[in-house]
Amino acid sequence: MDKALMNNTYELRIIHGIGTGVMKNEVKKLLRQYKDVKEFWHPEPEQGGEGVTLVRF
């Protein structure tokens, strides 16, 4: 996250897999702590669905 912000990245794709959902929940918790995160969501199933989180700064 810090590197993405320092490099003025507009969007970020975090691949965490589906599993039990623990990692997905931790990613969401972390994203809520960054004031620069405008929104985050899961893409369509063919683009990774619940196993991927897309972030827009």
PDB file of N, CA and C in Angstrom:
ATOM      1  N   MET A   1       0.815  -1.175   0.000  1.00  0.00           N
ATOM      2  CA  MET A   1       0.000   0.000   0.000  1.00  0.00           C
ATOM      3  C   MET A   1       0.868   1.251   0.000  1.00  0.00           C
ATOM      4  N   ASP A   2       1.857   1.288   0.864  1.00  0.00           N
ATOM      5  CA  ASP A   2       2.694   2.480   0.946  1.00  0.00           C
ATOM      6  C   ASP A   2       3.429   2.726  -0.370  1.00  0.00           C
ATOM      7  N   LYS A   3       3.955   1.675  -0.974  1.00  0.00           N
ATOM      8  CA  LYS A   3       4.653   1.836  -2.260  1.00  0.00           C
ATOM      9  C   LYS A   3       3.700   2.320  -3.342  1.00  0.00           C
ATOM     10  N   ALA A   4       2.494   1.785  -3.357  1.00  0.00           N
ATOM     11  CA  ALA A   4       1.508   2.213  -4.348  1.00  0.00           C
ATOM     12  C   ALA A   4       1.200   3.695  -4.178  1.00  0.00           C
ATOM     13  N   LEU A   5       1.039   4.138  -2.960  1.00  0.00           N
ATOM     14  CA  LEU A   5       0.751   5.549  -2.702  1.00  0.00           C
ATOM     15  C   LEU A   5       1.935   6.440  -3.049  1.00  0.00           C
ATOM     16  N   MET A   6       3.138   5.998  -2.732  1.00  0.00           N
ATOM     17  CA  MET A   6       4.330   6.798  -3.039  1.00  0.00           C
ATOM     18  C   MET A   6       4.554   6.914  -4.537  1.00  0.00           C
ATOM     19  N   ASN A   7       4.117   5.920  -5.300  1.00  0.00           N
ATOM     20  CA  ASN A   7       4.292   5.938  -6.746  1.00  0.00           C
ATOM     21  C   ASN A   7       3.082   6.522  -7.475  1.00  0.00           C
ATOM     22  N   ASN A   8       2.189   7.170  -6.729  1.00  0.00           N
ATOM     23  CA  ASN A   8       0.992   7.804  -7.305  1.00  0.00           C
ATOM     24  C   ASN A   8       0.149   6.836  -8.130  1.00  0.00           C
ATOM     25  N   THR A   9       0.017   5.626  -7.639  1.00  0.00           N
ATOM     26  CA  THR A   9      -0.803   4.628  -8.306  1.00  0.00           C
ATOM     27  C   THR A   9      -2.271   4.996  -8.147  1.00  0.00           C
ATOM     28  N   TYR A  10      -3.040   4.867  -9.226  1.00  0.00           N
ATOM     29  CA  TYR A  10      -4.456   5.230  -9.206  1.00  0.00           C
ATOM     30  C   TYR A  10      -5.318   4.068  -8.694  1.00  0.00           C
ATOM     31  N   GLU A  11      -4.976   2.850  -9.124  1.00  0.00           N
ATOM     32  CA  GLU A  11      -5.718   1.660  -8.695  1.00  0.00           C
ATOM     33  C   GLU A  11      -4.746   0.555  -8.325  1.00  0.00           C
ATOM     34  N   LEU A  12      -5.212  -0.336  -7.478  1.00  0.00           N
ATOM     35  CA  LEU A  12      -4.409  -1.454  -7.005  1.00  0.00           C
ATOM     36  C   LEU A  12      -5.270  -2.702  -6.995  1.00  0.00           C
ATOM     37  N   ARG A  13      -4.687  -3.837  -7.373  1.00  0.00           N
ATOM     38  CA  ARG A  13      -5.378  -5.127  -7.342  1.00  0.00           C
ATOM     39  C   ARG A  13      -4.692  -5.986  -6.291  1.00  0.00           C
ATOM     40  N   ILE A  14      -5.459  -6.386  -5.281  1.00  0.00           N
ATOM     41  CA  ILE A  14      -4.937  -7.239  -4.216  1.00  0.00           C
ATOM     42  C   ILE A  14      -5.543  -8.621  -4.401  1.00  0.00           C
ATOM     43  N   ILE A  15      -4.685  -9.602  -4.639  1.00  0.00           N
ATOM     44  CA  ILE A  15      -5.140 -10.987  -4.819  1.00  0.00           C
ATOM     45  C   ILE A  15      -4.932 -11.714  -3.495  1.00  0.00           C
ATOM     46  N   HIS A  16      -6.023 -12.107  -2.843  1.00  0.00           N
ATOM     47  CA  HIS A  16      -5.940 -12.763  -1.545  1.00  0.00           C
ATOM     48  C   HIS A  16      -6.583 -14.140  -1.549  1.00  0.00           C
ATOM     49  N   GLY A  17      -7.249 -14.508  -2.629  1.00  0.00           N
ATOM     50  CA  GLY A  17      -7.911 -15.801  -2.690  1.00  0.00           C
ATOM     51  C   GLY A  17      -9.207 -15.810  -1.895  1.00  0.00           C
ATOM     52  N   ILE A  18      -9.915 -16.921  -1.984  1.00  0.00           N
ATOM     53  CA  ILE A  18     -11.216 -17.014  -1.320  1.00  0.00           C
ATOM     54  C   ILE A  18     -11.065 -17.666   0.053  1.00  0.00           C
ATOM     55  N   GLY A  19     -10.611 -18.880   0.116  1.00  0.00           N
ATOM     56  CA  GLY A  19     -10.386 -19.574   1.392  1.00  0.00           C
ATOM     57  C   GLY A  19     -11.537 -19.427   2.361  1.00  0.00           C
ATOM     58  N   THR A  20     -11.186 -19.126   3.612  1.00  0.00           N
ATOM     59  CA  THR A  20     -12.197 -18.972   4.660  1.00  0.00           C
ATOM     60  C   THR A  20     -12.682 -17.530   4.783  1.00  0.00           C
ATOM     61  N   GLY A  21     -12.043 -16.598   4.083  1.00  0.00           N
ATOM     62  CA  GLY A  21     -12.426 -15.190   4.126  1.00  0.00           C
ATOM     63  C   GLY A  21     -11.664 -14.367   5.145  1.00  0.00           C
ATOM     64  N   VAL A  22     -10.782 -15.010   5.906  1.00  0.00           N
ATOM     65  CA  VAL A  22     -10.028 -14.294   6.933  1.00  0.00           C
ATOM     66  C   VAL A  22      -9.135 -13.232   6.296  1.00  0.00           C
ATOM     67  N   MET A  23      -8.389 -13.597   5.254  1.00  0.00           N
ATOM     68  CA  MET A  23      -7.481 -12.651   4.613  1.00  0.00           C
ATOM     69  C   MET A  23      -8.266 -11.503   3.977  1.00  0.00           C
ATOM     70  N   LYS A  24      -9.378 -11.811   3.314  1.00  0.00           N
ATOM     71  CA  LYS A  24     -10.219 -10.778   2.694  1.00  0.00           C
ATOM     72  C   LYS A  24     -10.685  -9.778   3.745  1.00  0.00           C
ATOM     73  N   ASN A  25     -11.103 -10.261   4.894  1.00  0.00           N
ATOM     74  CA  ASN A  25     -11.566  -9.385   5.964  1.00  0.00           C
ATOM     75  C   ASN A  25     -10.433  -8.526   6.528  1.00  0.00           C
ATOM     76  N   GLU A  26      -9.247  -9.098   6.639  1.00  0.00           N
ATOM     77  CA  GLU A  26      -8.096  -8.332   7.123  1.00  0.00           C
ATOM     78  C   GLU A  26      -7.693  -7.251   6.120  1.00  0.00           C
ATOM     79  N   VAL A  27      -7.781  -7.572   4.833  1.00  0.00           N
ATOM     80  CA  VAL A  27      -7.482  -6.581   3.792  1.00  0.00           C
ATOM     81  C   VAL A  27      -8.464  -5.418   3.907  1.00  0.00           C
ATOM     82  N   LYS A  28      -9.740  -5.712   4.060  1.00  0.00           N
ATOM     83  CA  LYS A  28     -10.754  -4.658   4.192  1.00  0.00           C
ATOM     84  C   LYS A  28     -10.490  -3.794   5.426  1.00  0.00           C
ATOM     85  N   LYS A  29     -10.131  -4.443   6.528  1.00  0.00           N
ATOM     86  CA  LYS A  29      -9.850  -3.715   7.759  1.00  0.00           C
ATOM     87  C   LYS A  29      -8.665  -2.762   7.561  1.00  0.00           C
ATOM     88  N   LEU A  30      -7.632  -3.230   6.880  1.00  0.00           N
ATOM     89  CA  LEU A  30      -6.459  -2.410   6.607  1.00  0.00           C
ATOM     90  C   LEU A  30      -6.806  -1.237   5.692  1.00  0.00           C
ATOM     91  N   LEU A  31      -7.591  -1.507   4.642  1.00  0.00           N
ATOM     92  CA  LEU A  31      -7.948  -0.462   3.689  1.00  0.00           C
ATOM     93  C   LEU A  31      -8.741   0.664   4.352  1.00  0.00           C
ATOM     94  N   ARG A  32      -9.547   0.345   5.331  1.00  0.00           N
ATOM     95  CA  ARG A  32     -10.339   1.365   6.026  1.00  0.00           C
ATOM     96  C   ARG A  32      -9.461   2.322   6.831  1.00  0.00           C
ATOM     97  N   GLN A  33      -8.216   1.934   7.113  1.00  0.00           N
ATOM     98  CA  GLN A  33      -7.302   2.772   7.888  1.00  0.00           C
ATOM     99  C   GLN A  33      -6.591   3.817   7.034  1.00  0.00           C
ATOM    100  N   TYR A  34      -6.603   3.659   5.711  1.00  0.00           N
ATOM    101  CA  TYR A  34      -5.906   4.580   4.815  1.00  0.00           C
ATOM    102  C   TYR A  34      -6.855   5.668   4.338  1.00  0.00           C
ATOM    103  N   LYS A  35      -6.544   6.917   4.663  1.00  0.00           N
ATOM    104  CA  LYS A  35      -7.410   8.026   4.255  1.00  0.00           C
ATOM    105  C   LYS A  35      -7.386   8.253   2.755  1.00  0.00           C
ATOM    106  N   ASP A  36      -6.314   7.780   2.069  1.00  0.00           N
ATOM    107  CA  ASP A  36      -6.199   7.978   0.622  1.00  0.00           C
ATOM    108  C   ASP A  36      -7.031   6.995  -0.191  1.00  0.00           C
ATOM    109  N   VAL A  37      -7.559   5.952   0.434  1.00  0.00           N
ATOM    110  CA  VAL A  37      -8.387   4.968  -0.268  1.00  0.00           C
ATOM    111  C   VAL A  37      -9.777   5.566  -0.469  1.00  0.00           C
ATOM    112  N   LYS A  38     -10.146   5.756  -1.735  1.00  0.00           N
ATOM    113  CA  LYS A  38     -11.460   6.331  -2.056  1.00  0.00           C
ATOM    114  C   LYS A  38     -12.554   5.273  -2.012  1.00  0.00           C
ATOM    115  N   GLU A  39     -12.240   4.084  -2.558  1.00  0.00           N
ATOM    116  CA  GLU A  39     -13.202   2.981  -2.556  1.00  0.00           C
ATOM    117  C   GLU A  39     -12.472   1.673  -2.807  1.00  0.00           C
ATOM    118  N   PHE A  40     -13.118   0.584  -2.420  1.00  0.00           N
ATOM    119  CA  PHE A  40     -12.611  -0.754  -2.741  1.00  0.00           C
ATOM    120  C   PHE A  40     -13.793  -1.668  -2.947  1.00  0.00           C
ATOM    121  N   TRP A  41     -13.592  -2.663  -3.819  1.00  0.00           N
ATOM    122  CA  TRP A  41     -14.678  -3.557  -4.202  1.00  0.00           C
ATOM    123  C   TRP A  41     -14.095  -4.834  -4.797  1.00  0.00           C
ATOM    124  N   HIS A  42     -14.968  -5.814  -5.022  1.00  0.00           N
ATOM    125  CA  HIS A  42     -14.578  -7.060  -5.670  1.00  0.00           C
ATOM    126  C   HIS A  42     -15.030  -6.990  -7.131  1.00  0.00           C
ATOM    127  N   PRO A  43     -14.174  -7.445  -8.038  1.00  0.00           N
ATOM    128  CA  PRO A  43     -14.544  -7.410  -9.449  1.00  0.00           C
ATOM    129  C   PRO A  43     -15.554  -8.502  -9.804  1.00  0.00           C
ATOM    130  N   GLU A  44     -15.931  -8.527 -11.055  1.00  0.00           N
ATOM    131  CA  GLU A  44     -16.826  -9.567 -11.563  1.00  0.00           C
ATOM    132  C   GLU A  44     -16.160 -10.939 -11.388  1.00  0.00           C
ATOM    133  N   PRO A  45     -16.939 -12.017 -11.302  1.00  0.00           N
ATOM    134  CA  PRO A  45     -16.388 -13.360 -11.103  1.00  0.00           C
ATOM    135  C   PRO A  45     -15.304 -13.747 -12.114  1.00  0.00           C
ATOM    136  N   GLU A  46     -15.476 -13.359 -13.385  1.00  0.00           N
ATOM    137  CA  GLU A  46     -14.479 -13.726 -14.393  1.00  0.00           C
ATOM    138  C   GLU A  46     -13.159 -12.960 -14.228  1.00  0.00           C
ATOM    139  N   GLN A  47     -13.150 -11.952 -13.359  1.00  0.00           N
ATOM    140  CA  GLN A  47     -11.931 -11.187 -13.080  1.00  0.00           C
ATOM    141  C   GLN A  47     -11.383 -11.481 -11.684  1.00  0.00           C
ATOM    142  N   GLY A  48     -11.895 -12.506 -11.033  1.00  0.00           N
ATOM    143  CA  GLY A  48     -11.397 -12.905  -9.720  1.00  0.00           C
ATOM    144  C   GLY A  48     -12.435 -12.888  -8.623  1.00  0.00           C
ATOM    145  N   GLY A  49     -13.505 -12.147  -8.824  1.00  0.00           N
ATOM    146  CA  GLY A  49     -14.600 -12.125  -7.848  1.00  0.00           C
ATOM    147  C   GLY A  49     -14.156 -11.868  -6.426  1.00  0.00           C
ATOM    148  N   GLU A  50     -14.661 -12.667  -5.505  1.00  0.00           N
ATOM    149  CA  GLU A  50     -14.389 -12.505  -4.075  1.00  0.00           C
ATOM    150  C   GLU A  50     -12.935 -12.789  -3.694  1.00  0.00           C
ATOM    151  N   GLY A  51     -12.154 -13.344  -4.605  1.00  0.00           N
ATOM    152  CA  GLY A  51     -10.755 -13.642  -4.322  1.00  0.00           C
ATOM    153  C   GLY A  51      -9.815 -12.487  -4.610  1.00  0.00           C
ATOM    154  N   VAL A  52     -10.373 -11.355  -5.063  1.00  0.00           N
ATOM    155  CA  VAL A  52      -9.589 -10.185  -5.431  1.00  0.00           C
ATOM    156  C   VAL A  52     -10.280  -8.950  -4.873  1.00  0.00           C
ATOM    157  N   THR A  53      -9.476  -8.009  -4.396  1.00  0.00           N
ATOM    158  CA  THR A  53     -10.026  -6.719  -3.984  1.00  0.00           C
ATOM    159  C   THR A  53      -9.372  -5.647  -4.843  1.00  0.00           C
ATOM    160  N   LEU A  54     -10.183  -4.811  -5.477  1.00  0.00           N
ATOM    161  CA  LEU A  54      -9.696  -3.686  -6.254  1.00  0.00           C
ATOM    162  C   LEU A  54      -9.793  -2.437  -5.388  1.00  0.00           C
ATOM    163  N   VAL A  55      -8.760  -1.606  -5.461  1.00  0.00           N
ATOM    164  CA  VAL A  55      -8.678  -0.411  -4.625  1.00  0.00           C
ATOM    165  C   VAL A  55      -8.482   0.794  -5.523  1.00  0.00           C
ATOM    166  N   ARG A  56      -9.216   1.850  -5.257  1.00  0.00           N
ATOM    167  CA  ARG A  56      -9.037   3.114  -5.991  1.00  0.00           C
ATOM    168  C   ARG A  56      -8.615   4.176  -4.993  1.00  0.00           C
ATOM    169  N   PHE A  57      -7.512   4.848  -5.337  1.00  0.00           N
ATOM    170  CA  PHE A  57      -6.981   5.919  -4.482  1.00  0.00           C
ATOM    171  C   PHE A  57      -7.481   7.267  -4.946  1.00  0.00           C
TER     172      PHE A  57
END
